[in-house]
N, C-alpha and C. Protein backbone atom coordinates (compact mmCIF):
# COMPACT_ATOMS: atom_id res chain seq x y z
N MET A 1 -11.57 -136.86 6.18
CA MET A 1 -12.20 -138.68 6.29
C MET A 1 -13.23 -138.81 7.66
N ASN A 2 -14.16 -139.37 6.59
CA ASN A 2 -15.50 -139.60 7.89
C ASN A 2 -15.05 -140.88 8.45
N ARG A 3 -15.26 -141.14 9.68
CA ARG A 3 -15.01 -142.09 10.17
C ARG A 3 -16.44 -142.40 10.67
N SER A 4 -16.75 -143.91 10.17
CA SER A 4 -18.23 -144.83 10.90
C SER A 4 -18.57 -144.82 12.21
N GLU A 5 -19.12 -144.40 13.00
CA GLU A 5 -18.81 -145.18 14.42
C GLU A 5 -19.91 -146.41 14.21
N PRO A 6 -19.91 -146.55 15.31
CA PRO A 6 -20.35 -148.70 15.48
C PRO A 6 -21.83 -147.97 16.34
N THR A 7 -22.28 -149.04 15.68
CA THR A 7 -23.80 -148.97 16.28
C THR A 7 -24.02 -149.64 17.38
N PHE A 8 -24.53 -150.07 18.16
CA PHE A 8 -25.01 -151.37 19.02
C PHE A 8 -26.34 -151.58 19.33
N ILE A 9 -26.28 -153.22 19.05
CA ILE A 9 -28.04 -153.65 19.12
C ILE A 9 -27.92 -154.08 19.91
N ILE A 10 -28.91 -154.28 21.01
CA ILE A 10 -29.39 -154.72 22.31
C ILE A 10 -30.14 -155.56 21.74
N GLN A 11 -30.21 -157.30 22.02
CA GLN A 11 -30.75 -157.87 22.04
C GLN A 11 -32.12 -158.14 23.16
N SER A 12 -33.19 -157.81 23.20
CA SER A 12 -33.95 -158.01 23.93
C SER A 12 -34.89 -158.87 24.20
N ARG A 13 -34.82 -160.25 24.90
CA ARG A 13 -36.27 -160.65 25.18
C ARG A 13 -37.12 -160.99 26.02
N ASN A 14 -38.45 -161.00 26.23
CA ASN A 14 -38.80 -161.08 27.21
C ASN A 14 -39.55 -162.22 27.75
N GLY A 15 -38.85 -163.54 26.55
CA GLY A 15 -40.26 -164.26 27.05
C GLY A 15 -38.88 -165.51 27.50
N SER A 16 -38.26 -165.32 28.73
CA SER A 16 -37.55 -166.75 29.20
C SER A 16 -38.67 -166.88 30.41
N THR A 17 -38.47 -168.69 30.36
CA THR A 17 -39.11 -169.58 31.19
C THR A 17 -38.79 -169.70 32.66
N ARG A 18 -37.30 -169.67 32.40
CA ARG A 18 -36.80 -169.48 34.25
C ARG A 18 -37.47 -167.92 35.06
N LEU A 19 -37.34 -166.68 34.40
CA LEU A 19 -37.37 -165.89 35.00
C LEU A 19 -38.31 -164.43 33.48
N PRO A 20 -39.54 -164.95 33.49
CA PRO A 20 -40.28 -164.13 32.61
C PRO A 20 -39.88 -162.23 33.11
N ASN A 21 -39.76 -161.80 31.81
CA ASN A 21 -39.64 -160.21 31.56
C ASN A 21 -38.08 -159.95 32.38
N LYS A 22 -37.21 -160.60 32.49
CA LYS A 22 -36.37 -160.57 33.44
C LYS A 22 -35.14 -158.88 32.77
N VAL A 23 -35.38 -158.85 31.71
CA VAL A 23 -35.19 -157.57 31.05
C VAL A 23 -35.61 -156.06 31.55
N THR A 24 -37.29 -156.29 32.22
CA THR A 24 -37.89 -155.10 32.33
C THR A 24 -37.97 -155.05 33.66
N LYS A 25 -37.15 -155.91 34.56
CA LYS A 25 -37.69 -156.09 35.71
C LYS A 25 -36.96 -155.18 36.37
N LYS A 26 -37.05 -154.87 37.70
CA LYS A 26 -36.65 -153.95 38.10
C LYS A 26 -34.94 -154.62 38.89
N PHE A 27 -33.98 -154.00 39.10
CA PHE A 27 -33.00 -154.77 39.21
C PHE A 27 -31.90 -154.01 39.46
N PHE A 28 -31.33 -153.08 39.21
CA PHE A 28 -29.81 -151.86 39.85
C PHE A 28 -29.97 -150.15 40.32
N ASP A 29 -30.11 -149.82 41.71
CA ASP A 29 -30.94 -148.56 41.69
C ASP A 29 -32.30 -148.12 40.97
N GLU A 30 -33.06 -149.10 41.14
CA GLU A 30 -34.58 -148.62 40.75
C GLU A 30 -34.48 -149.01 39.27
N LYS A 31 -33.63 -149.33 38.43
CA LYS A 31 -33.62 -149.31 37.14
C LYS A 31 -33.45 -151.09 36.30
N SER A 32 -34.07 -151.07 35.38
CA SER A 32 -33.98 -151.88 35.27
C SER A 32 -32.87 -152.64 34.48
N ILE A 33 -32.43 -154.06 33.90
CA ILE A 33 -31.21 -154.33 33.10
C ILE A 33 -31.25 -153.69 31.54
N LEU A 34 -31.81 -153.57 31.19
CA LEU A 34 -32.23 -152.60 30.10
C LEU A 34 -31.90 -151.43 29.86
N GLU A 35 -32.23 -150.69 31.06
CA GLU A 35 -31.88 -149.42 30.90
C GLU A 35 -31.06 -148.83 32.09
N THR A 36 -30.23 -149.76 32.63
CA THR A 36 -28.74 -149.82 33.37
C THR A 36 -28.09 -149.39 32.13
N LEU A 37 -28.24 -150.72 31.02
CA LEU A 37 -27.46 -151.29 29.96
C LEU A 37 -27.17 -150.16 28.86
N ILE A 38 -28.00 -149.49 28.64
CA ILE A 38 -28.35 -148.36 27.75
C ILE A 38 -27.92 -146.99 27.79
N MET A 39 -28.38 -146.43 29.54
CA MET A 39 -27.27 -146.00 30.07
C MET A 39 -25.62 -146.05 30.24
N ARG A 40 -25.67 -147.27 30.74
CA ARG A 40 -23.92 -146.93 30.19
C ARG A 40 -23.34 -146.63 29.35
N LEU A 41 -23.76 -147.33 28.65
CA LEU A 41 -23.52 -147.32 27.02
C LEU A 41 -23.27 -146.11 26.36
N THR A 42 -24.39 -145.53 27.07
CA THR A 42 -24.93 -143.44 26.32
C THR A 42 -24.00 -142.73 27.11
N GLU A 43 -23.53 -143.16 28.16
CA GLU A 43 -22.24 -142.71 28.79
C GLU A 43 -21.08 -142.71 28.56
N ALA A 44 -20.82 -143.98 27.53
CA ALA A 44 -19.44 -144.12 27.19
C ALA A 44 -19.44 -143.56 25.96
N PHE A 45 -20.19 -144.03 25.51
CA PHE A 45 -20.35 -144.31 23.82
C PHE A 45 -21.22 -143.20 23.47
N PRO A 46 -21.24 -141.51 23.49
CA PRO A 46 -22.37 -140.32 23.08
C PRO A 46 -22.67 -140.30 22.63
N TYR A 47 -22.00 -140.19 21.49
CA TYR A 47 -22.58 -139.99 19.50
C TYR A 47 -22.54 -141.38 18.94
N ASN A 48 -22.92 -142.52 19.88
CA ASN A 48 -23.50 -144.04 18.85
C ASN A 48 -24.79 -144.07 18.95
N LYS A 49 -24.98 -144.56 17.77
CA LYS A 49 -26.24 -144.84 17.91
C LYS A 49 -26.37 -146.31 18.76
N ILE A 50 -27.95 -146.66 19.03
CA ILE A 50 -27.98 -148.05 20.34
C ILE A 50 -29.48 -147.93 19.52
N ILE A 51 -29.49 -149.27 19.18
CA ILE A 51 -31.14 -150.00 18.44
C ILE A 51 -31.27 -151.25 19.77
N VAL A 52 -32.27 -151.21 19.88
CA VAL A 52 -33.10 -152.10 21.32
C VAL A 52 -33.91 -153.00 20.46
N ALA A 53 -33.35 -154.76 19.94
CA ALA A 53 -34.38 -155.56 19.40
C ALA A 53 -34.87 -155.89 20.43
N THR A 54 -36.28 -156.42 20.18
CA THR A 54 -37.46 -156.84 20.92
C THR A 54 -38.03 -157.97 19.85
N ASN A 55 -38.18 -158.48 21.14
CA ASN A 55 -39.30 -160.38 20.25
C ASN A 55 -40.73 -159.52 20.64
N SER A 56 -41.18 -158.42 20.50
CA SER A 56 -42.86 -158.54 20.59
C SER A 56 -43.05 -157.02 19.60
């Protein structure tokens, strides 16, 4: 039986008024929040798809 693995969709918006481009700013260990999230998801779920939805 084939089991469908879940796909992760990360919504990434750069249009914040209080902190513009916050998703791509360096945050932890010289990586952005987006990079950190993708890295952690890839480590925890190596065979799942990750889709990044952006506003541009």
